[in-house]
Amino acid sequence: MCDEKNLADFHDTNANWRQNALMSTGFSQGINRRQFGAIGAMGAAATLAACAGMEAGSGGLAEDDVTFKTMDGTMDAFFVRPSSGEHPAVICWPDIAGLRDAFKMMARRTAAEGYAVLVVNPYYRDVPAPQFADFAEFRSAEGFTKVGPWRGKLDATAIMRDTQAIIPWLDMQAGVDKSRGVGAEGYCMGGPFTVWSAAGMPNRMRAAASFHGGGLVSGSEMSPHKLLGQTQSSFLFAIAQNDDAKEPDVKDVLRASADAAERSALTRVYAGDHGWTVLDSPAYAKEAAEEAYAAKMELYSRL
């Protein structure tokens, strides 16, 4: 899982990680942090063409920074969807560095495939997003220390409460088809959040995708692997190769738990290290990230 030692190892072995990740999205070699931040303000169609090598639908995308009430306060989030029609909703739980431009770019790509994507600020109880411009700033600003108190509040019951506010809000939006199921995707610390979301509103949640998620298997009664039977979702557990090397039993426990719960679950170890699917991650690996993205889209086709 994501920890300070992993980041140090990534820095030692790949000092140019950030530039490599940006180059793989199609941007010029000379892009800097200020330019990367400006990407979030580009038009949706132009951004998608640059970062994903694809064309948005003829109607383009609509996007907004939004806020709404939860049981614990006011959540802020980024909402992107096709500019016309109604579409299945997807909740995106970011990694430890929170809601930022990299996740907005990733959400736009999914939205262009016909989904209404809400990227939430998991730390809304303490501070609005963005907390960090990118993962490089998270690292340089002692991010682990800063987010520790915020992260400590995000247990299973808190995420379930949030989901019980998020989905009713999504169902009220004109671009959301509430006759379809809802999907969730989570990265790093957000991985287990997808299962807690699925258990928090099983009548609406139909798909959950965890990418290099930490804490999916533990001794807690609220461990995600123990809650699969309380859901009505299909699952994707995309596991990093270095996480698997450290905890090789996790994939087997997830598979056995899914079978026991009679839940459909694809559990796969990918040729990427922890964080490989996130655009500004030090471990971003384009080929493996594309494979994981394709698996996610196959999962969402069931919504």
Protein backbone atom coordinates (compact mmCIF):
# COMPACT_ATOMS: atom_id res chain seq x y z
CA MET A 1 0.00 0.00 0.00
CA CYS A 2 0.97 3.66 -0.24
CA ASP A 3 3.51 4.61 2.40
CA GLU A 4 6.55 6.84 2.81
CA LYS A 5 9.02 4.04 2.14
CA ASN A 6 7.34 3.25 -1.19
CA LEU A 7 7.60 6.90 -2.23
CA ALA A 8 11.29 7.00 -1.34
CA ASP A 9 11.91 3.84 -3.35
CA PHE A 10 10.05 5.28 -6.36
CA HIS A 11 12.07 8.49 -6.15
CA ASP A 12 15.37 6.62 -6.06
CA THR A 13 14.55 4.41 -9.04
CA ASN A 14 12.71 6.91 -11.22
CA ALA A 15 13.71 10.52 -10.63
CA ASN A 16 11.86 11.60 -13.78
CA TRP A 17 8.59 9.86 -12.91
CA ARG A 18 6.39 12.91 -13.21
CA GLN A 19 7.64 13.97 -16.62
CA ASN A 20 7.37 10.40 -17.87
CA ALA A 21 3.75 10.16 -16.76
CA LEU A 22 2.84 13.43 -18.41
CA MET A 23 4.62 12.48 -21.63
CA SER A 24 2.61 9.26 -21.72
CA THR A 25 -0.61 11.28 -21.71
CA GLY A 26 0.42 13.14 -24.84
CA PHE A 27 1.63 16.45 -23.41
CA SER A 28 4.90 18.04 -24.48
CA GLN A 29 8.15 17.15 -22.78
CA GLY A 30 8.59 20.63 -21.38
CA ILE A 31 5.39 20.74 -19.33
CA ASN A 32 5.78 22.10 -15.82
CA ARG A 33 3.64 22.04 -12.66
CA ARG A 34 1.92 25.31 -13.50
CA GLN A 35 0.95 23.99 -16.93
CA PHE A 36 -0.28 20.74 -15.40
CA GLY A 37 -2.53 22.72 -13.05
CA ALA A 38 -3.88 24.68 -15.99
CA ILE A 39 -4.95 21.47 -17.69
CA GLY A 40 -7.92 21.27 -15.32
CA ALA A 41 -9.25 24.53 -16.77
CA MET A 42 -9.12 23.42 -20.39
CA GLY A 43 -12.30 22.58 -22.27
CA ALA A 44 -13.45 19.03 -21.68
CA ALA A 45 -13.16 17.86 -25.28
CA ALA A 46 -9.68 19.32 -25.74
CA THR A 47 -8.48 17.82 -22.47
CA LEU A 48 -9.75 14.38 -23.38
CA ALA A 49 -8.16 14.49 -26.80
CA ALA A 50 -4.82 15.37 -25.20
CA CYS A 51 -4.79 13.11 -22.15
CA ALA A 52 -6.59 10.07 -23.44
CA GLY A 53 -6.00 10.06 -27.19
CA MET A 54 -9.73 9.92 -27.81
CA GLU A 55 -12.58 12.14 -28.95
CA ALA A 56 -15.39 13.25 -26.72
CA GLY A 57 -18.93 12.65 -27.89
CA SER A 58 -20.40 15.10 -30.35
CA GLY A 59 -22.24 16.85 -27.52
CA GLY A 60 -19.11 17.23 -25.36
CA LEU A 61 -19.00 17.19 -21.59
CA ALA A 62 -20.45 19.33 -18.83
CA GLU A 63 -18.58 19.75 -15.57
CA ASP A 64 -18.99 21.61 -12.29
CA ASP A 65 -17.41 21.98 -8.88
CA VAL A 66 -20.29 21.11 -6.55
CA THR A 67 -21.17 20.96 -2.86
CA PHE A 68 -23.94 19.17 -1.00
CA LYS A 69 -24.89 18.23 2.53
CA THR A 70 -23.94 14.96 4.20
CA MET A 71 -24.60 13.71 7.70
CA ASP A 72 -21.16 15.01 8.70
CA GLY A 73 -21.01 18.39 6.95
CA THR A 74 -20.77 19.77 3.42
CA MET A 75 -18.95 17.68 0.85
CA ASP A 76 -17.23 19.29 -2.12
CA ALA A 77 -16.69 17.35 -5.33
CA PHE A 78 -16.06 17.53 -9.08
CA PHE A 79 -18.96 16.41 -11.28
CA VAL A 80 -18.47 15.63 -14.99
CA ARG A 81 -20.90 13.98 -17.40
CA PRO A 82 -21.97 14.07 -21.06
CA SER A 83 -23.67 17.38 -21.80
CA SER A 84 -26.89 15.69 -22.88
CA GLY A 85 -28.86 12.60 -21.94
CA GLU A 86 -28.97 10.55 -18.76
CA HIS A 87 -26.15 8.21 -17.79
CA PRO A 88 -25.15 5.74 -15.06
CA ALA A 89 -23.44 7.43 -12.12
CA VAL A 90 -19.95 6.64 -10.85
CA ILE A 91 -18.41 7.69 -7.54
CA CYS A 92 -14.63 8.18 -7.58
CA TRP A 93 -12.71 7.97 -4.31
CA PRO A 94 -9.22 9.47 -4.88
CA ASP A 95 -5.96 8.28 -3.39
CA ILE A 96 -4.28 9.68 -0.28
CA ALA A 97 -3.37 12.98 -1.98
CA GLY A 98 -7.03 13.79 -2.54
CA LEU A 99 -9.13 15.44 -5.23
CA ARG A 100 -6.86 17.24 -7.72
CA ASP A 101 -6.38 17.83 -11.43
CA ALA A 102 -5.07 14.33 -12.17
CA PHE A 103 -8.36 12.84 -10.98
CA LYS A 104 -10.40 15.41 -12.86
CA MET A 105 -8.60 14.35 -16.06
CA MET A 106 -9.23 10.70 -15.33
CA ALA A 107 -12.90 11.40 -14.61
CA ARG A 108 -13.32 13.24 -17.91
CA ARG A 109 -12.10 10.21 -19.77
CA THR A 110 -14.65 7.94 -18.07
CA ALA A 111 -17.41 10.51 -18.54
CA ALA A 112 -16.73 10.63 -22.28
CA GLU A 113 -17.57 6.92 -22.36
CA GLY A 114 -21.10 7.74 -21.21
CA TYR A 115 -20.99 8.04 -17.41
CA ALA A 116 -21.79 10.75 -14.87
CA VAL A 117 -18.69 10.80 -12.66
CA LEU A 118 -18.47 12.43 -9.24
CA VAL A 119 -14.93 12.75 -7.84
CA VAL A 120 -15.38 13.43 -4.14
CA ASN A 121 -13.15 15.17 -1.63
CA PRO A 122 -12.63 12.48 1.01
CA TYR A 123 -11.23 15.06 3.45
CA TYR A 124 -14.21 17.44 3.29
CA ARG A 125 -14.77 17.13 7.04
CA ASP A 126 -11.57 19.09 7.59
CA VAL A 127 -10.60 21.05 4.48
CA PRO A 128 -11.91 21.71 0.95
CA ALA A 129 -10.11 20.39 -2.11
CA PRO A 130 -7.52 20.61 -3.46
CA GLN A 131 -5.24 19.92 -0.54
CA PHE A 132 -2.31 19.34 -2.92
CA ALA A 133 -1.83 20.38 -6.54
CA ASP A 134 -0.38 16.99 -7.43
CA PHE A 135 1.42 14.03 -5.93
CA ALA A 136 4.76 15.82 -6.13
CA GLU A 137 3.43 18.52 -3.82
CA PHE A 138 1.98 15.89 -1.50
CA ARG A 139 5.43 14.40 -1.20
CA SER A 140 7.30 17.68 -0.73
CA ALA A 141 4.75 19.07 1.75
CA GLU A 142 4.98 16.11 4.15
CA GLY A 143 1.60 14.94 3.00
CA PHE A 144 1.45 11.81 5.16
CA THR A 145 1.79 13.92 8.29
CA LYS A 146 -0.72 16.51 7.10
CA VAL A 147 -3.48 14.09 6.08
CA GLY A 148 -3.06 11.74 9.04
CA PRO A 149 -5.74 13.34 11.25
CA TRP A 150 -8.12 13.71 8.28
CA ARG A 151 -7.59 10.16 7.11
CA GLY A 152 -8.20 8.81 10.60
CA LYS A 153 -11.87 9.82 10.36
CA LEU A 154 -12.48 7.76 7.23
CA ASP A 155 -13.59 4.43 8.63
CA ALA A 156 -16.20 2.11 7.15
CA THR A 157 -19.17 3.74 8.85
CA ALA A 158 -18.10 7.24 7.75
CA ILE A 159 -17.81 6.14 4.11
CA MET A 160 -21.18 4.39 4.29
CA ARG A 161 -22.75 7.58 5.66
CA ASP A 162 -21.14 9.57 2.86
CA THR A 163 -22.42 7.15 0.24
CA GLN A 164 -25.92 7.46 1.66
CA ALA A 165 -25.69 11.20 0.94
CA ILE A 166 -23.82 10.99 -2.37
CA ILE A 167 -26.19 8.67 -4.21
CA PRO A 168 -29.40 10.58 -3.38
CA TRP A 169 -27.65 13.76 -4.56
CA LEU A 170 -26.59 12.05 -7.80
CA ASP A 171 -30.12 10.74 -8.33
CA MET A 172 -31.40 14.31 -8.30
CA GLN A 173 -29.07 15.42 -11.12
CA ALA A 174 -30.48 15.81 -14.61
CA GLY A 175 -27.59 13.93 -16.22
CA VAL A 176 -27.98 10.81 -14.11
CA ASP A 177 -30.06 7.79 -15.08
CA LYS A 178 -31.33 6.63 -11.69
CA SER A 179 -32.91 3.54 -13.24
CA ARG A 180 -29.36 2.20 -13.71
CA GLY A 181 -26.97 0.98 -11.06
CA VAL A 182 -24.20 3.12 -9.56
CA GLY A 183 -20.50 2.30 -9.83
CA ALA A 184 -17.60 3.22 -7.57
CA GLU A 185 -13.88 3.33 -8.16
CA GLY A 186 -11.21 3.91 -5.54
CA TYR A 187 -7.44 4.29 -5.56
CA CYS A 188 -4.95 3.51 -2.79
CA MET A 189 -6.81 4.37 0.44
CA GLY A 190 -9.95 4.75 -1.70
CA GLY A 191 -9.87 1.07 -2.67
CA PRO A 192 -11.69 -0.23 0.41
CA PHE A 193 -14.06 2.75 0.22
CA THR A 194 -15.62 1.19 -2.88
CA VAL A 195 -16.65 -1.92 -0.96
CA TRP A 196 -17.95 0.17 1.95
CA SER A 197 -19.94 2.21 -0.57
CA ALA A 198 -21.37 -0.98 -2.07
CA ALA A 199 -22.35 -2.21 1.39
CA GLY A 200 -23.69 1.20 2.41
CA MET A 201 -26.30 1.37 -0.36
CA PRO A 202 -26.62 -2.13 -1.81
CA ASN A 203 -29.95 -1.33 -3.46
CA ARG A 204 -28.23 1.16 -5.81
CA MET A 205 -24.59 0.08 -6.06
CA ARG A 206 -23.86 -2.47 -8.79
CA ALA A 207 -20.12 -2.22 -9.50
CA ALA A 208 -17.00 -1.44 -7.46
CA ALA A 209 -13.41 -1.21 -8.72
CA SER A 210 -10.45 -1.03 -6.34
CA PHE A 211 -7.07 -0.01 -7.79
CA HIS A 212 -4.01 -0.80 -5.63
CA GLY A 213 -6.33 -0.56 -2.62
CA GLY A 214 -4.86 -0.92 0.84
CA GLY A 215 -6.60 -2.59 3.76
CA LEU A 216 -8.93 -4.79 1.74
CA VAL A 217 -8.24 -7.72 4.04
CA SER A 218 -7.87 -7.24 7.78
CA GLY A 219 -9.02 -8.69 11.09
CA SER A 220 -11.66 -6.00 11.56
CA GLU A 221 -15.31 -6.94 11.40
CA MET A 222 -15.66 -4.13 8.83
CA SER A 223 -12.86 -5.43 6.64
CA PRO A 224 -13.99 -5.12 3.01
CA HIS A 225 -13.51 -8.82 2.31
CA LYS A 226 -16.02 -9.63 5.07
CA LEU A 227 -18.68 -7.30 3.67
CA LEU A 228 -18.96 -8.62 0.13
CA GLY A 229 -22.04 -10.64 1.08
CA GLN A 230 -23.78 -7.42 2.16
CA THR A 231 -23.56 -5.99 -1.36
CA GLN A 232 -25.26 -6.50 -4.70
CA SER A 233 -22.22 -5.40 -6.70
CA SER A 234 -19.73 -6.96 -9.05
CA PHE A 235 -16.11 -6.22 -8.21
CA LEU A 236 -12.70 -5.54 -9.72
CA PHE A 237 -9.73 -5.86 -7.39
CA ALA A 238 -6.72 -4.59 -9.33
CA ILE A 239 -3.64 -5.37 -7.23
CA ALA A 240 -0.17 -3.86 -7.61
CA GLN A 241 2.67 -6.28 -8.13
CA ASN A 242 4.71 -4.93 -5.21
CA ASP A 243 1.67 -5.03 -2.91
CA ASP A 244 1.16 -8.64 -3.91
CA ALA A 245 4.80 -9.42 -3.19
CA LYS A 246 4.38 -8.06 0.35
CA GLU A 247 0.98 -9.65 1.02
CA PRO A 248 0.56 -12.58 -1.40
CA ASP A 249 -2.42 -14.01 0.48
CA VAL A 250 -4.67 -10.98 -0.07
CA LYS A 251 -5.72 -11.96 -3.59
CA ASP A 252 -6.59 -15.48 -2.46
CA VAL A 253 -8.67 -14.23 0.47
CA LEU A 254 -10.54 -11.81 -1.81
CA ARG A 255 -11.29 -14.56 -4.32
CA ALA A 256 -12.46 -16.97 -1.64
CA SER A 257 -14.58 -14.28 0.02
CA ALA A 258 -16.22 -13.33 -3.28
CA ASP A 259 -16.97 -16.97 -4.03
CA ALA A 260 -18.46 -17.51 -0.57
CA ALA A 261 -20.60 -14.39 -0.97
CA GLU A 262 -21.61 -15.44 -4.48
CA ARG A 263 -20.37 -12.13 -5.84
CA SER A 264 -18.74 -11.73 -9.26
CA ALA A 265 -15.17 -10.48 -8.76
CA LEU A 266 -12.14 -10.17 -11.02
CA THR A 267 -9.04 -10.22 -8.81
CA ARG A 268 -5.86 -9.65 -10.78
CA VAL A 269 -2.25 -8.67 -10.10
CA TYR A 270 -1.03 -6.11 -12.65
CA ALA A 271 2.49 -5.39 -13.90
CA GLY A 272 2.64 -2.08 -12.07
CA ASP A 273 3.63 -0.93 -8.62
CA HIS A 274 1.39 0.75 -6.08
CA GLY A 275 -0.17 3.82 -7.70
CA TRP A 276 0.37 2.67 -11.29
CA THR A 277 -3.09 3.79 -12.50
CA VAL A 278 -2.94 7.46 -11.35
CA LEU A 279 -1.62 9.99 -13.85
CA ASP A 280 0.56 11.99 -11.47
CA SER A 281 1.70 9.04 -9.36
CA PRO A 282 5.42 8.27 -9.14
CA ALA A 283 4.55 4.71 -10.17
CA TYR A 284 2.31 5.55 -13.17
CA ALA A 285 2.71 2.81 -15.80
CA LYS A 286 0.77 3.50 -18.97
CA GLU A 287 0.45 -0.01 -20.41
CA ALA A 288 -0.71 -1.58 -17.15
CA ALA A 289 -2.93 1.44 -16.45
CA GLU A 290 -4.67 0.97 -19.80
CA GLU A 291 -5.27 -2.70 -19.02
CA ALA A 292 -6.83 -1.78 -15.69
CA TYR A 293 -8.93 0.94 -17.32
CA ALA A 294 -10.29 -1.58 -19.85
CA ALA A 295 -11.23 -3.94 -17.01
CA LYS A 296 -13.02 -1.10 -15.25
CA MET A 297 -15.02 -0.21 -18.33
CA GLU A 298 -16.03 -3.84 -18.77
CA LEU A 299 -17.25 -3.82 -15.16
CA TYR A 300 -19.23 -0.61 -15.70
CA SER A 301 -20.91 -2.04 -18.79
CA ARG A 302 -23.04 -4.06 -16.34
CA LEU A 303 -24.54 -0.98 -14.67
